Amino acid sequence: MTSGTLIALDLAPQICAAISRRGQILADDVGMLSNLPKLDSALTDSEIDALGALARARLPACPDWGRFFAEKVGGWYLQDFAGRTPSLEQAHWLIDYLGGEGADLTTAQFRLLMQVLENLETCPDELLAFARACLVRAMGAEIEARRPQAGRA
């Protein structure tokens, strides 16, 4: 390696795997993922996959995680992948990425979905229906969690 040459290593997948094995997403982890050296700002396929897997792992996470995940993946989706007028195929990609029909989204995943929806000029009906169903499931879970349990004093 010559002096002044930056080698872009795809470290995010290894970092995400280590975080997942540890079982908790810390603020330092988010800082590390935020500051990885890259030749350009676009996410690689392996970074997108690793971040998605980490979000789906449902680990306890620091408050910065949801914002970071939504900004990184949402920015990539809106700028580099689908733009502000996604096709049906691109909408289906996002639905599948978030866990598919019937998925119970994590806070980070829900933030991503909301960020994308807020910034679209047009939205396929399937993506709107998916978002609506996710919201209904989340509201139902919240209502169920607040119900008094039988036999509790």
N, C-alpha and C. Protein backbone atom coordinates (compact mmCIF):
# COMPACT_ATOMS: atom_id res chain seq x y z
N MET A 1 0.85 -1.17 0.00
CA MET A 1 0.00 0.00 0.00
C MET A 1 0.89 1.23 0.00
N THR A 2 0.58 2.15 -0.88
CA THR A 2 1.37 3.36 -0.95
C THR A 2 0.81 4.39 0.01
N SER A 3 1.65 5.31 0.38
CA SER A 3 1.25 6.37 1.29
C SER A 3 0.10 7.17 0.70
N GLY A 4 -0.90 7.46 1.51
CA GLY A 4 -2.03 8.27 1.05
C GLY A 4 -3.12 7.49 0.37
N THR A 5 -2.97 6.18 0.22
CA THR A 5 -4.00 5.37 -0.43
C THR A 5 -4.94 4.82 0.62
N LEU A 6 -6.22 5.05 0.40
CA LEU A 6 -7.23 4.54 1.33
C LEU A 6 -7.84 3.29 0.74
N ILE A 7 -7.79 2.22 1.49
CA ILE A 7 -8.42 0.99 1.06
C ILE A 7 -9.77 0.91 1.76
N ALA A 8 -10.82 0.87 0.98
CA ALA A 8 -12.16 0.79 1.55
C ALA A 8 -12.46 -0.66 1.89
N LEU A 9 -12.54 -0.94 3.16
CA LEU A 9 -12.88 -2.28 3.61
C LEU A 9 -14.36 -2.31 3.93
N ASP A 10 -14.98 -3.38 3.58
CA ASP A 10 -16.41 -3.55 3.86
C ASP A 10 -16.53 -4.14 5.27
N LEU A 11 -16.34 -3.28 6.27
CA LEU A 11 -16.29 -3.74 7.66
C LEU A 11 -17.66 -3.84 8.31
N ALA A 12 -18.65 -3.15 7.78
CA ALA A 12 -19.97 -3.11 8.43
C ALA A 12 -20.54 -4.51 8.69
N PRO A 13 -20.46 -5.45 7.74
CA PRO A 13 -21.00 -6.78 8.03
C PRO A 13 -20.34 -7.47 9.23
N GLN A 14 -19.01 -7.34 9.35
CA GLN A 14 -18.32 -7.95 10.48
C GLN A 14 -18.70 -7.26 11.79
N ILE A 15 -18.80 -5.94 11.75
CA ILE A 15 -19.18 -5.19 12.96
C ILE A 15 -20.60 -5.55 13.37
N CYS A 16 -21.51 -5.60 12.41
CA CYS A 16 -22.91 -5.96 12.72
C CYS A 16 -23.01 -7.37 13.28
N ALA A 17 -22.22 -8.29 12.74
CA ALA A 17 -22.22 -9.67 13.25
C ALA A 17 -21.72 -9.71 14.69
N ALA A 18 -20.67 -8.95 14.99
CA ALA A 18 -20.14 -8.91 16.36
C ALA A 18 -21.15 -8.30 17.32
N ILE A 19 -21.82 -7.25 16.90
CA ILE A 19 -22.86 -6.62 17.73
C ILE A 19 -23.97 -7.63 18.00
N SER A 20 -24.38 -8.33 16.98
CA SER A 20 -25.46 -9.32 17.12
C SER A 20 -25.07 -10.42 18.09
N ARG A 21 -23.82 -10.89 18.01
CA ARG A 21 -23.35 -11.93 18.93
C ARG A 21 -23.33 -11.43 20.37
N ARG A 22 -22.99 -10.15 20.54
CA ARG A 22 -22.95 -9.57 21.88
C ARG A 22 -24.37 -9.42 22.44
N GLY A 23 -25.34 -9.14 21.56
CA GLY A 23 -26.73 -9.09 21.99
C GLY A 23 -27.25 -7.73 22.40
N GLN A 24 -26.55 -6.65 22.06
CA GLN A 24 -26.99 -5.31 22.42
C GLN A 24 -26.32 -4.30 21.50
N ILE A 25 -27.08 -3.27 21.09
CA ILE A 25 -26.53 -2.22 20.23
C ILE A 25 -26.26 -1.00 21.11
N LEU A 26 -24.98 -0.67 21.25
CA LEU A 26 -24.56 0.44 22.10
C LEU A 26 -24.33 1.70 21.27
N ALA A 27 -24.28 2.85 21.94
CA ALA A 27 -24.01 4.11 21.26
C ALA A 27 -22.65 4.06 20.56
N ASP A 28 -21.66 3.41 21.18
CA ASP A 28 -20.34 3.29 20.55
C ASP A 28 -20.42 2.50 19.24
N ASP A 29 -21.30 1.52 19.18
CA ASP A 29 -21.48 0.74 17.95
C ASP A 29 -22.02 1.63 16.84
N VAL A 30 -23.00 2.44 17.17
CA VAL A 30 -23.59 3.36 16.18
C VAL A 30 -22.53 4.35 15.72
N GLY A 31 -21.73 4.86 16.66
CA GLY A 31 -20.65 5.77 16.30
C GLY A 31 -19.64 5.12 15.37
N MET A 32 -19.28 3.87 15.66
CA MET A 32 -18.34 3.14 14.82
C MET A 32 -18.91 2.94 13.42
N LEU A 33 -20.16 2.50 13.33
CA LEU A 33 -20.79 2.29 12.02
C LEU A 33 -20.94 3.60 11.26
N SER A 34 -21.14 4.70 11.97
CA SER A 34 -21.31 6.01 11.34
C SER A 34 -20.01 6.52 10.73
N ASN A 35 -18.90 6.12 11.30
CA ASN A 35 -17.61 6.70 10.91
C ASN A 35 -16.69 5.75 10.16
N LEU A 36 -17.26 4.71 9.56
CA LEU A 36 -16.42 3.81 8.78
C LEU A 36 -15.86 4.53 7.56
N PRO A 37 -14.55 4.35 7.27
CA PRO A 37 -13.99 4.99 6.08
C PRO A 37 -14.55 4.35 4.81
N LYS A 38 -14.96 5.21 3.88
CA LYS A 38 -15.52 4.74 2.61
C LYS A 38 -15.01 5.63 1.49
N LEU A 39 -14.92 5.06 0.31
CA LEU A 39 -14.52 5.85 -0.85
C LEU A 39 -15.66 6.73 -1.35
N ASP A 40 -16.90 6.29 -1.15
CA ASP A 40 -18.05 7.12 -1.49
C ASP A 40 -19.12 6.91 -0.43
N SER A 41 -20.16 7.69 -0.49
CA SER A 41 -21.17 7.64 0.57
C SER A 41 -22.22 6.55 0.36
N ALA A 42 -22.24 5.93 -0.82
CA ALA A 42 -23.26 4.92 -1.10
C ALA A 42 -23.01 3.66 -0.28
N LEU A 43 -24.09 3.07 0.21
CA LEU A 43 -23.98 1.80 0.93
C LEU A 43 -23.79 0.66 -0.06
N THR A 44 -23.02 -0.34 0.35
CA THR A 44 -22.87 -1.54 -0.47
C THR A 44 -24.02 -2.49 -0.17
N ASP A 45 -24.21 -3.46 -1.03
CA ASP A 45 -25.25 -4.47 -0.80
C ASP A 45 -25.02 -5.20 0.53
N SER A 46 -23.75 -5.51 0.83
CA SER A 46 -23.47 -6.24 2.07
C SER A 46 -23.74 -5.37 3.30
N GLU A 47 -23.52 -4.06 3.19
CA GLU A 47 -23.83 -3.16 4.31
C GLU A 47 -25.34 -3.08 4.52
N ILE A 48 -26.08 -2.98 3.44
CA ILE A 48 -27.54 -2.91 3.53
C ILE A 48 -28.08 -4.20 4.17
N ASP A 49 -27.58 -5.34 3.71
CA ASP A 49 -28.00 -6.63 4.27
C ASP A 49 -27.65 -6.74 5.75
N ALA A 50 -26.43 -6.33 6.12
CA ALA A 50 -25.98 -6.44 7.51
C ALA A 50 -26.78 -5.53 8.43
N LEU A 51 -27.04 -4.30 7.99
CA LEU A 51 -27.84 -3.38 8.81
C LEU A 51 -29.26 -3.90 8.96
N GLY A 52 -29.82 -4.44 7.89
CA GLY A 52 -31.17 -5.00 7.95
C GLY A 52 -31.25 -6.19 8.89
N ALA A 53 -30.26 -7.06 8.84
CA ALA A 53 -30.24 -8.23 9.74
C ALA A 53 -30.12 -7.78 11.19
N LEU A 54 -29.31 -6.76 11.43
CA LEU A 54 -29.17 -6.25 12.79
C LEU A 54 -30.49 -5.64 13.28
N ALA A 55 -31.18 -4.93 12.42
CA ALA A 55 -32.48 -4.35 12.80
C ALA A 55 -33.51 -5.44 13.08
N ARG A 56 -33.50 -6.50 12.29
CA ARG A 56 -34.47 -7.59 12.48
C ARG A 56 -34.15 -8.47 13.69
N ALA A 57 -32.93 -8.35 14.23
CA ALA A 57 -32.52 -9.17 15.37
C ALA A 57 -33.24 -8.79 16.67
N ARG A 58 -33.87 -7.62 16.68
CA ARG A 58 -34.66 -7.17 17.84
C ARG A 58 -33.83 -7.09 19.12
N LEU A 59 -32.60 -6.60 19.01
CA LEU A 59 -31.73 -6.47 20.17
C LEU A 59 -32.06 -5.21 20.95
N PRO A 60 -31.79 -5.21 22.25
CA PRO A 60 -31.88 -3.95 22.98
C PRO A 60 -30.92 -2.95 22.34
N ALA A 61 -31.37 -1.71 22.16
CA ALA A 61 -30.55 -0.75 21.42
C ALA A 61 -30.59 0.63 22.07
N CYS A 62 -29.51 1.36 21.88
CA CYS A 62 -29.44 2.74 22.35
C CYS A 62 -30.38 3.60 21.49
N PRO A 63 -30.77 4.77 21.98
CA PRO A 63 -31.69 5.62 21.22
C PRO A 63 -31.16 6.04 19.85
N ASP A 64 -29.85 6.13 19.68
CA ASP A 64 -29.27 6.57 18.41
C ASP A 64 -29.44 5.54 17.29
N TRP A 65 -29.64 4.28 17.63
CA TRP A 65 -29.70 3.22 16.62
C TRP A 65 -30.82 3.44 15.62
N GLY A 66 -32.03 3.67 16.08
CA GLY A 66 -33.16 3.83 15.17
C GLY A 66 -32.97 4.98 14.20
N ARG A 67 -32.48 6.10 14.72
CA ARG A 67 -32.24 7.28 13.87
C ARG A 67 -31.16 6.98 12.84
N PHE A 68 -30.06 6.36 13.29
CA PHE A 68 -28.97 6.02 12.38
C PHE A 68 -29.45 5.07 11.28
N PHE A 69 -30.14 4.01 11.67
CA PHE A 69 -30.63 3.02 10.70
C PHE A 69 -31.56 3.67 9.68
N ALA A 70 -32.51 4.47 10.16
CA ALA A 70 -33.46 5.12 9.25
C ALA A 70 -32.77 6.09 8.31
N GLU A 71 -31.82 6.87 8.83
CA GLU A 71 -31.12 7.84 7.98
C GLU A 71 -30.24 7.15 6.95
N LYS A 72 -29.49 6.14 7.37
CA LYS A 72 -28.57 5.46 6.44
C LYS A 72 -29.32 4.69 5.36
N VAL A 73 -30.19 3.79 5.78
CA VAL A 73 -30.88 2.94 4.81
C VAL A 73 -31.95 3.75 4.06
N GLY A 74 -32.64 4.64 4.76
CA GLY A 74 -33.63 5.49 4.10
C GLY A 74 -32.99 6.40 3.07
N GLY A 75 -31.85 6.99 3.42
CA GLY A 75 -31.13 7.83 2.47
C GLY A 75 -30.70 7.05 1.24
N TRP A 76 -30.19 5.85 1.45
CA TRP A 76 -29.79 5.00 0.32
C TRP A 76 -31.00 4.67 -0.55
N TYR A 77 -32.10 4.28 0.08
CA TYR A 77 -33.30 3.89 -0.67
C TYR A 77 -33.81 5.06 -1.52
N LEU A 78 -33.87 6.25 -0.92
CA LEU A 78 -34.42 7.41 -1.62
C LEU A 78 -33.46 8.01 -2.64
N GLN A 79 -32.16 7.96 -2.38
CA GLN A 79 -31.21 8.61 -3.26
C GLN A 79 -30.59 7.67 -4.30
N ASP A 80 -30.26 6.47 -3.88
CA ASP A 80 -29.49 5.59 -4.76
C ASP A 80 -30.27 4.42 -5.33
N PHE A 81 -31.43 4.11 -4.77
CA PHE A 81 -32.14 2.91 -5.21
C PHE A 81 -33.47 3.24 -5.89
N ALA A 82 -34.39 3.80 -5.17
CA ALA A 82 -35.75 3.98 -5.71
C ALA A 82 -36.09 5.41 -6.08
N GLY A 83 -35.42 6.36 -5.48
CA GLY A 83 -35.81 7.75 -5.70
C GLY A 83 -37.10 8.07 -4.95
N ARG A 84 -37.72 9.16 -5.33
CA ARG A 84 -38.93 9.61 -4.63
C ARG A 84 -40.22 9.11 -5.27
N THR A 85 -40.08 8.32 -6.33
CA THR A 85 -41.25 7.72 -6.99
C THR A 85 -40.95 6.25 -7.26
N PRO A 86 -40.97 5.42 -6.21
CA PRO A 86 -40.57 4.02 -6.39
C PRO A 86 -41.55 3.24 -7.25
N SER A 87 -41.00 2.29 -7.97
CA SER A 87 -41.82 1.37 -8.74
C SER A 87 -42.43 0.35 -7.78
N LEU A 88 -43.34 -0.43 -8.29
CA LEU A 88 -43.94 -1.50 -7.48
C LEU A 88 -42.87 -2.49 -7.03
N GLU A 89 -41.94 -2.81 -7.91
CA GLU A 89 -40.85 -3.73 -7.57
C GLU A 89 -39.98 -3.16 -6.45
N GLN A 90 -39.68 -1.87 -6.51
CA GLN A 90 -38.87 -1.25 -5.46
C GLN A 90 -39.63 -1.17 -4.14
N ALA A 91 -40.94 -0.97 -4.21
CA ALA A 91 -41.77 -0.98 -3.00
C ALA A 91 -41.76 -2.38 -2.38
N HIS A 92 -41.86 -3.40 -3.22
CA HIS A 92 -41.83 -4.78 -2.72
C HIS A 92 -40.47 -5.11 -2.10
N TRP A 93 -39.40 -4.55 -2.66
CA TRP A 93 -38.08 -4.77 -2.07
C TRP A 93 -38.08 -4.25 -0.62
N LEU A 94 -38.60 -3.04 -0.40
CA LEU A 94 -38.63 -2.46 0.94
C LEU A 94 -39.49 -3.30 1.88
N ILE A 95 -40.63 -3.73 1.41
CA ILE A 95 -41.52 -4.57 2.22
C ILE A 95 -40.79 -5.86 2.63
N ASP A 96 -40.13 -6.51 1.68
CA ASP A 96 -39.38 -7.74 1.98
C ASP A 96 -38.21 -7.45 2.93
N TYR A 97 -37.53 -6.33 2.71
CA TYR A 97 -36.39 -5.95 3.55
C TYR A 97 -36.81 -5.77 5.00
N LEU A 98 -38.01 -5.25 5.19
CA LEU A 98 -38.53 -5.01 6.54
C LEU A 98 -39.13 -6.26 7.17
N GLY A 99 -39.19 -7.35 6.46
CA GLY A 99 -39.67 -8.61 7.03
C GLY A 99 -40.89 -9.18 6.35
N GLY A 100 -41.42 -8.49 5.36
CA GLY A 100 -42.55 -9.02 4.60
C GLY A 100 -43.89 -8.79 5.28
N GLU A 101 -44.93 -9.20 4.57
CA GLU A 101 -46.29 -9.06 5.08
C GLU A 101 -46.40 -9.76 6.43
N GLY A 102 -47.05 -9.14 7.36
CA GLY A 102 -47.24 -9.72 8.68
C GLY A 102 -46.11 -9.47 9.66
N ALA A 103 -45.08 -8.74 9.23
CA ALA A 103 -43.93 -8.49 10.10
C ALA A 103 -44.31 -7.54 11.24
N ASP A 104 -43.78 -7.82 12.41
CA ASP A 104 -43.85 -6.89 13.54
C ASP A 104 -42.55 -6.10 13.52
N LEU A 105 -42.63 -4.85 13.14
CA LEU A 105 -41.43 -4.04 12.95
C LEU A 105 -40.83 -3.61 14.28
N THR A 106 -39.50 -3.54 14.29
CA THR A 106 -38.80 -2.93 15.42
C THR A 106 -38.95 -1.42 15.30
N THR A 107 -38.58 -0.71 16.33
CA THR A 107 -38.63 0.75 16.29
C THR A 107 -37.76 1.28 15.15
N ALA A 108 -36.58 0.72 14.97
CA ALA A 108 -35.69 1.17 13.90
C ALA A 108 -36.31 0.93 12.53
N GLN A 109 -36.92 -0.23 12.34
CA GLN A 109 -37.56 -0.53 11.05
C GLN A 109 -38.74 0.41 10.80
N PHE A 110 -39.52 0.66 11.85
CA PHE A 110 -40.67 1.55 11.71
C PHE A 110 -40.21 2.96 11.36
N ARG A 111 -39.12 3.42 11.98
CA ARG A 111 -38.57 4.74 11.64
C ARG A 111 -38.15 4.80 10.18
N LEU A 112 -37.53 3.73 9.70
CA LEU A 112 -37.13 3.68 8.29
C LEU A 112 -38.35 3.79 7.39
N LEU A 113 -39.37 3.01 7.66
CA LEU A 113 -40.58 3.03 6.85
C LEU A 113 -41.20 4.42 6.85
N MET A 114 -41.29 5.06 8.00
CA MET A 114 -41.88 6.40 8.09
C MET A 114 -41.03 7.43 7.35
N GLN A 115 -39.71 7.33 7.47
CA GLN A 115 -38.83 8.27 6.77
C GLN A 115 -39.01 8.16 5.27
N VAL A 116 -39.07 6.94 4.78
CA VAL A 116 -39.26 6.74 3.34
C VAL A 116 -40.61 7.31 2.91
N LEU A 117 -41.67 6.95 3.62
CA LEU A 117 -43.01 7.42 3.24
C LEU A 117 -43.11 8.94 3.27
N GLU A 118 -42.50 9.58 4.26
CA GLU A 118 -42.55 11.04 4.38
C GLU A 118 -41.87 11.74 3.23
N ASN A 119 -40.93 11.08 2.57
CA ASN A 119 -40.14 11.73 1.52
C ASN A 119 -40.51 11.31 0.11
N LEU A 120 -41.52 10.48 -0.05
CA LEU A 120 -41.94 10.05 -1.39
C LEU A 120 -42.86 11.09 -2.03
N GLU A 121 -42.73 11.22 -3.33
CA GLU A 121 -43.67 12.05 -4.09
C GLU A 121 -44.90 11.24 -4.46
N THR A 122 -44.70 9.98 -4.80
CA THR A 122 -45.80 9.05 -5.05
C THR A 122 -45.45 7.74 -4.36
N CYS A 123 -46.48 6.98 -4.03
CA CYS A 123 -46.25 5.75 -3.30
C CYS A 123 -47.17 4.66 -3.82
N PRO A 124 -46.62 3.50 -4.18
CA PRO A 124 -47.46 2.39 -4.59
C PRO A 124 -48.44 1.99 -3.48
N ASP A 125 -49.64 1.64 -3.87
CA ASP A 125 -50.67 1.26 -2.91
C ASP A 125 -50.23 0.13 -1.99
N GLU A 126 -49.44 -0.81 -2.51
CA GLU A 126 -48.99 -1.95 -1.70
C GLU A 126 -48.12 -1.49 -0.53
N LEU A 127 -47.29 -0.47 -0.76
CA LEU A 127 -46.44 0.03 0.32
C LEU A 127 -47.29 0.76 1.36
N LEU A 128 -48.28 1.50 0.92
CA LEU A 128 -49.19 2.16 1.86
C LEU A 128 -49.97 1.13 2.68
N ALA A 129 -50.45 0.08 2.03
CA ALA A 129 -51.19 -0.97 2.74
C ALA A 129 -50.30 -1.67 3.76
N PHE A 130 -49.05 -1.92 3.39
CA PHE A 130 -48.09 -2.54 4.31
C PHE A 130 -47.88 -1.64 5.53
N ALA A 131 -47.67 -0.34 5.29
CA ALA A 131 -47.45 0.60 6.40
C ALA A 131 -48.67 0.65 7.31
N ARG A 132 -49.84 0.68 6.71
CA ARG A 132 -51.08 0.71 7.48
C ARG A 132 -51.20 -0.55 8.35
N ALA A 133 -50.92 -1.71 7.78
CA ALA A 133 -51.01 -2.97 8.51
C ALA A 133 -49.99 -3.01 9.66
N CYS A 134 -48.78 -2.49 9.42
CA CYS A 134 -47.76 -2.45 10.47
C CYS A 134 -48.22 -1.55 11.62
N LEU A 135 -48.82 -0.43 11.28
CA LEU A 135 -49.31 0.49 12.30
C LEU A 135 -50.43 -0.14 13.12
N VAL A 136 -51.35 -0.82 12.46
CA VAL A 136 -52.45 -1.48 13.16
C VAL A 136 -51.91 -2.56 14.10
N ARG A 137 -50.93 -3.35 13.63
CA ARG A 137 -50.33 -4.38 14.49
C ARG A 137 -49.64 -3.75 15.70
N ALA A 138 -48.91 -2.66 15.47
CA ALA A 138 -48.21 -1.99 16.57
C ALA A 138 -49.20 -1.42 17.58
N MET A 139 -50.27 -0.83 17.08
CA MET A 139 -51.28 -0.28 17.99
C MET A 139 -51.97 -1.39 18.77
N GLY A 140 -52.26 -2.50 18.12
CA GLY A 140 -52.88 -3.63 18.79
C GLY A 140 -51.98 -4.20 19.88
N ALA A 141 -50.69 -4.29 19.60
CA ALA A 141 -49.75 -4.80 20.59
C ALA A 141 -49.66 -3.86 21.78
N GLU A 142 -49.69 -2.57 21.52
CA GLU A 142 -49.64 -1.58 22.61
C GLU A 142 -50.89 -1.67 23.47
N ILE A 143 -52.04 -1.77 22.85
CA ILE A 143 -53.30 -1.89 23.60
C ILE A 143 -53.30 -3.16 24.43
N GLU A 144 -52.86 -4.26 23.83
CA GLU A 144 -52.82 -5.54 24.54
C GLU A 144 -51.86 -5.48 25.73
N ALA A 145 -50.73 -4.81 25.56
CA ALA A 145 -49.75 -4.71 26.63
C ALA A 145 -50.28 -3.89 27.81
N ARG A 146 -51.18 -2.98 27.54
CA ARG A 146 -51.72 -2.12 28.61
C ARG A 146 -52.91 -2.75 29.34
N ARG A 147 -53.47 -3.81 28.80
CA ARG A 147 -54.61 -4.48 29.45
C ARG A 147 -54.15 -5.14 30.74
N PRO A 148 -54.97 -5.04 31.78
CA PRO A 148 -54.62 -5.75 33.01
C PRO A 148 -54.68 -7.25 32.77
N GLN A 149 -53.72 -7.95 33.31
CA GLN A 149 -53.66 -9.40 33.16
C GLN A 149 -54.52 -10.06 34.23
N ALA A 150 -55.25 -11.09 33.87
CA ALA A 150 -56.09 -11.83 34.81
C ALA A 150 -55.22 -12.43 35.91
N GLY A 151 -55.70 -12.32 37.14
CA GLY A 151 -54.98 -12.92 38.25
C GLY A 151 -53.90 -12.02 38.84
N ARG A 152 -53.70 -10.83 38.27
CA ARG A 152 -52.69 -9.92 38.82
C ARG A 152 -53.35 -8.99 39.82
N ALA A 153 -52.68 -8.73 40.90
CA ALA A 153 -53.23 -7.84 41.93
C ALA A 153 -52.86 -6.41 41.65
